[in-house]
Amino acid sequence: SITVLLEEEFQKIADLKVCQVNFSSDATHLVLPYQTKSVLLRIVQEFLQNSIKYAKCKNIVGLLSQNEQTITLTIADDGIGFDVTKKSDGIGLSNIKKRTAIIGGTSTLKRTAQGTHR
């Protein structure tokens, strides 16, 4: 299931001991096509790598939730962030947007006082 795949990905980061990670999901019975699962996994991998490599974060949190019509994947870190109005999209952010579009989704990036959320 996508929940198990994402839990495993977050655990890989936890095993590195470079920051604290927490993943939770209320999508226990979510059945997704292979392509959708693959794209979501790649998005999470991209975010986790960017957070470790660039954000200098201490914590990364992920949440997968669902309602009757949509699934929502929220990932946040408490790193240094960047000004989303001035920085042009890098390859990683561009990949996340393209991958999200492939599965008919939308991607939002915002900076808060606590870090960057994607």
N, C-alpha and C. Protein backbone atom coordinates (compact mmCIF):
# COMPACT_ATOMS: atom_id res chain seq x y z
N SER A 1 0.85 -1.19 0.00
CA SER A 1 0.00 0.00 0.00
C SER A 1 0.88 1.24 0.00
N ILE A 2 0.30 2.36 -0.40
CA ILE A 2 1.06 3.61 -0.43
C ILE A 2 1.49 4.01 0.98
N THR A 3 0.65 3.73 1.96
CA THR A 3 1.01 4.07 3.34
C THR A 3 2.27 3.34 3.77
N VAL A 4 2.35 2.07 3.47
CA VAL A 4 3.54 1.28 3.84
C VAL A 4 4.77 1.79 3.08
N LEU A 5 4.62 2.09 1.80
CA LEU A 5 5.75 2.60 1.02
C LEU A 5 6.29 3.91 1.60
N LEU A 6 5.38 4.80 1.97
CA LEU A 6 5.81 6.09 2.52
C LEU A 6 6.40 5.92 3.91
N GLU A 7 5.83 5.05 4.72
CA GLU A 7 6.41 4.77 6.04
C GLU A 7 7.84 4.27 5.90
N GLU A 8 8.07 3.38 4.94
CA GLU A 8 9.41 2.85 4.72
C GLU A 8 10.38 3.94 4.28
N GLU A 9 9.91 4.86 3.44
CA GLU A 9 10.77 5.95 2.97
C GLU A 9 11.15 6.87 4.12
N PHE A 10 10.19 7.20 4.96
CA PHE A 10 10.49 8.03 6.12
C PHE A 10 11.42 7.30 7.08
N GLN A 11 11.26 6.00 7.21
CA GLN A 11 12.13 5.22 8.09
C GLN A 11 13.57 5.22 7.59
N LYS A 12 13.76 5.20 6.28
CA LYS A 12 15.12 5.28 5.73
C LYS A 12 15.81 6.56 6.18
N ILE A 13 15.08 7.65 6.19
CA ILE A 13 15.64 8.93 6.63
C ILE A 13 15.90 8.89 8.13
N ALA A 14 14.98 8.32 8.88
CA ALA A 14 15.18 8.19 10.33
C ALA A 14 16.44 7.40 10.63
N ASP A 15 16.68 6.36 9.85
CA ASP A 15 17.86 5.52 10.06
C ASP A 15 19.17 6.27 9.81
N LEU A 16 19.13 7.31 9.00
CA LEU A 16 20.32 8.12 8.75
C LEU A 16 20.70 8.98 9.95
N LYS A 17 19.72 9.23 10.81
CA LYS A 17 19.91 10.02 12.03
C LYS A 17 20.42 11.44 11.75
N VAL A 18 19.98 12.02 10.65
CA VAL A 18 20.35 13.40 10.34
C VAL A 18 19.27 14.37 10.82
N CYS A 19 18.06 13.87 11.02
CA CYS A 19 16.97 14.68 11.54
C CYS A 19 15.86 13.75 12.04
N GLN A 20 14.92 14.32 12.77
CA GLN A 20 13.78 13.56 13.25
C GLN A 20 12.72 13.53 12.15
N VAL A 21 12.07 12.40 11.99
CA VAL A 21 10.99 12.31 11.01
C VAL A 21 9.76 11.70 11.66
N ASN A 22 8.63 12.09 11.13
CA ASN A 22 7.37 11.55 11.61
C ASN A 22 6.42 11.46 10.42
N PHE A 23 5.87 10.29 10.20
CA PHE A 23 4.89 10.11 9.14
C PHE A 23 3.65 9.49 9.73
N SER A 24 2.50 9.99 9.33
CA SER A 24 1.24 9.40 9.76
C SER A 24 0.26 9.40 8.59
N SER A 25 -0.73 8.55 8.71
CA SER A 25 -1.72 8.42 7.64
C SER A 25 -3.04 7.95 8.22
N ASP A 26 -4.11 8.53 7.70
CA ASP A 26 -5.43 8.02 8.01
C ASP A 26 -6.00 7.27 6.81
N ALA A 27 -5.17 7.07 5.81
CA ALA A 27 -5.57 6.41 4.57
C ALA A 27 -5.27 4.92 4.63
N THR A 28 -5.87 4.25 5.59
CA THR A 28 -5.54 2.84 5.84
C THR A 28 -6.06 1.89 4.77
N HIS A 29 -7.13 2.25 4.10
CA HIS A 29 -7.70 1.36 3.08
C HIS A 29 -7.65 1.98 1.69
N LEU A 30 -6.69 2.83 1.48
CA LEU A 30 -6.55 3.54 0.21
C LEU A 30 -5.96 2.60 -0.84
N VAL A 31 -6.69 2.43 -1.93
CA VAL A 31 -6.22 1.60 -3.04
C VAL A 31 -5.95 2.53 -4.21
N LEU A 32 -4.71 2.55 -4.66
CA LEU A 32 -4.30 3.44 -5.75
C LEU A 32 -3.69 2.65 -6.89
N PRO A 33 -3.80 3.16 -8.11
CA PRO A 33 -3.11 2.53 -9.23
C PRO A 33 -1.60 2.60 -9.03
N TYR A 34 -0.89 1.68 -9.67
CA TYR A 34 0.56 1.60 -9.56
C TYR A 34 1.22 2.94 -9.89
N GLN A 35 0.80 3.58 -10.98
CA GLN A 35 1.42 4.84 -11.40
C GLN A 35 1.26 5.91 -10.33
N THR A 36 0.11 6.00 -9.72
CA THR A 36 -0.13 7.01 -8.69
C THR A 36 0.76 6.75 -7.48
N LYS A 37 0.85 5.50 -7.06
CA LYS A 37 1.73 5.17 -5.93
C LYS A 37 3.17 5.50 -6.25
N SER A 38 3.60 5.17 -7.45
CA SER A 38 4.97 5.43 -7.87
C SER A 38 5.27 6.92 -7.86
N VAL A 39 4.35 7.72 -8.39
CA VAL A 39 4.55 9.17 -8.45
C VAL A 39 4.59 9.76 -7.04
N LEU A 40 3.68 9.35 -6.17
CA LEU A 40 3.68 9.86 -4.80
C LEU A 40 4.98 9.50 -4.08
N LEU A 41 5.46 8.28 -4.29
CA LEU A 41 6.72 7.87 -3.67
C LEU A 41 7.87 8.74 -4.17
N ARG A 42 7.92 9.01 -5.46
CA ARG A 42 9.00 9.84 -6.02
C ARG A 42 8.94 11.27 -5.48
N ILE A 43 7.73 11.80 -5.32
CA ILE A 43 7.57 13.14 -4.77
C ILE A 43 8.13 13.18 -3.35
N VAL A 44 7.78 12.20 -2.55
CA VAL A 44 8.27 12.15 -1.17
C VAL A 44 9.79 12.02 -1.15
N GLN A 45 10.34 11.17 -1.99
CA GLN A 45 11.79 11.01 -2.04
C GLN A 45 12.47 12.34 -2.40
N GLU A 46 11.92 13.05 -3.37
CA GLU A 46 12.48 14.34 -3.78
C GLU A 46 12.45 15.34 -2.63
N PHE A 47 11.32 15.42 -1.96
CA PHE A 47 11.19 16.35 -0.84
C PHE A 47 12.17 16.00 0.28
N LEU A 48 12.22 14.74 0.65
CA LEU A 48 13.10 14.32 1.73
C LEU A 48 14.56 14.63 1.41
N GLN A 49 14.97 14.34 0.19
CA GLN A 49 16.35 14.62 -0.20
C GLN A 49 16.64 16.12 -0.19
N ASN A 50 15.70 16.93 -0.70
CA ASN A 50 15.88 18.39 -0.69
C ASN A 50 15.96 18.92 0.74
N SER A 51 15.11 18.40 1.61
CA SER A 51 15.10 18.86 3.00
C SER A 51 16.43 18.56 3.68
N ILE A 52 16.96 17.39 3.45
CA ILE A 52 18.24 17.01 4.07
C ILE A 52 19.40 17.79 3.46
N LYS A 53 19.39 17.90 2.14
CA LYS A 53 20.52 18.50 1.42
C LYS A 53 20.58 20.03 1.55
N TYR A 54 19.43 20.69 1.48
CA TYR A 54 19.42 22.15 1.40
C TYR A 54 18.83 22.87 2.61
N ALA A 55 17.83 22.26 3.26
CA ALA A 55 17.08 23.00 4.27
C ALA A 55 17.74 23.03 5.64
N LYS A 56 18.68 22.12 5.87
CA LYS A 56 19.31 22.04 7.19
C LYS A 56 18.27 21.91 8.30
N CYS A 57 17.28 21.09 8.02
CA CYS A 57 16.17 20.93 8.96
C CYS A 57 16.51 19.97 10.10
N LYS A 58 15.75 20.09 11.16
CA LYS A 58 15.87 19.18 12.30
C LYS A 58 14.70 18.21 12.35
N ASN A 59 13.60 18.58 11.68
CA ASN A 59 12.38 17.76 11.70
C ASN A 59 11.71 17.77 10.33
N ILE A 60 11.20 16.60 9.95
CA ILE A 60 10.39 16.46 8.75
C ILE A 60 9.13 15.70 9.15
N VAL A 61 8.00 16.22 8.73
CA VAL A 61 6.72 15.60 9.06
C VAL A 61 5.95 15.33 7.77
N GLY A 62 5.37 14.15 7.68
CA GLY A 62 4.54 13.80 6.53
C GLY A 62 3.18 13.32 6.98
N LEU A 63 2.16 13.65 6.21
CA LEU A 63 0.80 13.22 6.50
C LEU A 63 0.10 12.87 5.20
N LEU A 64 -0.45 11.68 5.14
CA LEU A 64 -1.27 11.26 4.01
C LEU A 64 -2.69 11.11 4.53
N SER A 65 -3.60 11.85 3.94
CA SER A 65 -4.99 11.77 4.39
C SER A 65 -5.91 11.64 3.18
N GLN A 66 -7.11 11.19 3.46
CA GLN A 66 -8.08 11.02 2.39
C GLN A 66 -9.47 11.38 2.88
N ASN A 67 -10.27 11.83 1.94
CA ASN A 67 -11.69 11.93 2.19
C ASN A 67 -12.38 11.24 1.03
N GLU A 68 -13.66 11.42 0.86
CA GLU A 68 -14.36 10.67 -0.19
C GLU A 68 -13.88 11.00 -1.60
N GLN A 69 -13.37 12.21 -1.82
CA GLN A 69 -13.05 12.64 -3.17
C GLN A 69 -11.57 12.88 -3.45
N THR A 70 -10.78 13.10 -2.43
CA THR A 70 -9.38 13.45 -2.66
C THR A 70 -8.46 12.77 -1.67
N ILE A 71 -7.20 12.70 -2.07
CA ILE A 71 -6.15 12.33 -1.13
C ILE A 71 -5.22 13.54 -1.05
N THR A 72 -4.67 13.75 0.13
CA THR A 72 -3.78 14.89 0.34
C THR A 72 -2.49 14.37 0.98
N LEU A 73 -1.38 14.75 0.37
CA LEU A 73 -0.07 14.43 0.91
C LEU A 73 0.57 15.75 1.32
N THR A 74 0.82 15.89 2.60
CA THR A 74 1.45 17.10 3.14
C THR A 74 2.79 16.70 3.73
N ILE A 75 3.82 17.43 3.32
CA ILE A 75 5.16 17.19 3.85
C ILE A 75 5.73 18.54 4.26
N ALA A 76 6.31 18.60 5.45
CA ALA A 76 6.84 19.86 5.95
C ALA A 76 8.17 19.63 6.65
N ASP A 77 9.02 20.64 6.56
CA ASP A 77 10.26 20.60 7.34
C ASP A 77 10.42 21.92 8.07
N ASP A 78 11.30 21.95 9.05
CA ASP A 78 11.54 23.17 9.82
C ASP A 78 12.89 23.79 9.46
N GLY A 79 13.28 23.59 8.23
CA GLY A 79 14.58 24.09 7.77
C GLY A 79 14.59 25.58 7.48
N ILE A 80 15.69 26.03 6.90
CA ILE A 80 15.90 27.46 6.67
C ILE A 80 14.97 28.01 5.60
N GLY A 81 14.47 27.18 4.72
CA GLY A 81 13.53 27.64 3.70
C GLY A 81 14.15 28.60 2.71
N PHE A 82 13.29 29.18 1.90
CA PHE A 82 13.72 30.17 0.93
C PHE A 82 12.51 31.00 0.56
N ASP A 83 12.75 32.14 -0.05
CA ASP A 83 11.67 33.03 -0.44
C ASP A 83 11.04 32.46 -1.71
N VAL A 84 9.85 31.90 -1.58
CA VAL A 84 9.20 31.24 -2.72
C VAL A 84 8.77 32.24 -3.79
N THR A 85 8.72 33.54 -3.46
CA THR A 85 8.35 34.55 -4.46
C THR A 85 9.54 34.99 -5.31
N LYS A 86 10.75 34.74 -4.82
CA LYS A 86 11.95 35.19 -5.53
C LYS A 86 12.75 34.05 -6.16
N LYS A 87 12.69 32.89 -5.57
CA LYS A 87 13.51 31.79 -6.07
C LYS A 87 12.82 31.14 -7.26
N SER A 88 13.55 30.92 -8.32
CA SER A 88 12.99 30.20 -9.45
C SER A 88 12.96 28.72 -9.11
N ASP A 89 12.06 28.02 -9.75
CA ASP A 89 11.94 26.59 -9.49
C ASP A 89 13.21 25.87 -9.89
N GLY A 90 13.73 25.10 -8.97
CA GLY A 90 14.86 24.24 -9.28
C GLY A 90 14.36 22.97 -9.93
N ILE A 91 15.26 22.11 -10.27
CA ILE A 91 14.88 20.85 -10.90
C ILE A 91 13.99 20.03 -9.99
N GLY A 92 14.32 19.98 -8.71
CA GLY A 92 13.52 19.20 -7.76
C GLY A 92 12.10 19.68 -7.66
N LEU A 93 11.92 20.99 -7.50
CA LEU A 93 10.57 21.55 -7.42
C LEU A 93 9.81 21.38 -8.72
N SER A 94 10.51 21.54 -9.82
CA SER A 94 9.90 21.34 -11.13
C SER A 94 9.44 19.89 -11.29
N ASN A 95 10.27 18.95 -10.86
CA ASN A 95 9.90 17.54 -10.93
C ASN A 95 8.67 17.23 -10.08
N ILE A 96 8.59 17.83 -8.90
CA ILE A 96 7.43 17.61 -8.04
C ILE A 96 6.16 18.12 -8.73
N LYS A 97 6.23 19.31 -9.32
CA LYS A 97 5.05 19.86 -10.01
C LYS A 97 4.64 18.98 -11.20
N LYS A 98 5.62 18.57 -11.99
CA LYS A 98 5.32 17.73 -13.16
C LYS A 98 4.74 16.39 -12.75
N ARG A 99 5.32 15.78 -11.75
CA ARG A 99 4.83 14.48 -11.30
C ARG A 99 3.41 14.58 -10.74
N THR A 100 3.16 15.64 -10.01
CA THR A 100 1.81 15.83 -9.47
C THR A 100 0.80 15.99 -10.60
N ALA A 101 1.17 16.72 -11.61
CA ALA A 101 0.27 16.92 -12.76
C ALA A 101 0.00 15.61 -13.50
N ILE A 102 0.98 14.74 -13.56
CA ILE A 102 0.82 13.45 -14.25
C ILE A 102 -0.34 12.66 -13.67
N ILE A 103 -0.53 12.75 -12.36
CA ILE A 103 -1.60 11.98 -11.73
C ILE A 103 -2.86 12.82 -11.49
N GLY A 104 -2.90 14.01 -12.12
CA GLY A 104 -4.08 14.85 -12.04
C GLY A 104 -4.20 15.63 -10.75
N GLY A 105 -3.10 15.83 -10.07
CA GLY A 105 -3.12 16.54 -8.80
C GLY A 105 -2.62 17.96 -8.92
N THR A 106 -2.58 18.63 -7.80
CA THR A 106 -2.02 19.97 -7.72
C THR A 106 -0.96 19.99 -6.64
N SER A 107 -0.01 20.87 -6.81
CA SER A 107 1.11 20.99 -5.87
C SER A 107 1.16 22.42 -5.37
N THR A 108 1.31 22.56 -4.07
CA THR A 108 1.40 23.88 -3.45
C THR A 108 2.66 23.93 -2.60
N LEU A 109 3.40 25.00 -2.73
CA LEU A 109 4.60 25.21 -1.94
C LEU A 109 4.41 26.51 -1.18
N LYS A 110 4.61 26.45 0.12
CA LYS A 110 4.52 27.68 0.90
C LYS A 110 5.53 27.67 2.01
N ARG A 111 5.96 28.87 2.35
CA ARG A 111 6.91 29.04 3.44
C ARG A 111 6.16 29.61 4.63
N THR A 112 6.43 29.03 5.79
CA THR A 112 5.83 29.53 7.02
C THR A 112 6.94 29.81 8.01
N ALA A 113 6.58 30.32 9.15
CA ALA A 113 7.58 30.58 10.19
C ALA A 113 8.26 29.28 10.64
N GLN A 114 7.57 28.14 10.45
CA GLN A 114 8.12 26.86 10.89
C GLN A 114 8.94 26.17 9.82
N GLY A 115 8.95 26.65 8.58
CA GLY A 115 9.71 25.99 7.53
C GLY A 115 8.96 25.99 6.22
N THR A 116 9.33 25.11 5.35
CA THR A 116 8.75 25.05 4.03
C THR A 116 7.82 23.83 3.95
N HIS A 117 6.65 24.05 3.37
CA HIS A 117 5.65 23.00 3.23
C HIS A 117 5.38 22.75 1.76
N ARG A 118 5.29 21.47 1.40
CA ARG A 118 5.02 21.14 -0.01
C ARG A 118 3.90 20.13 -0.07
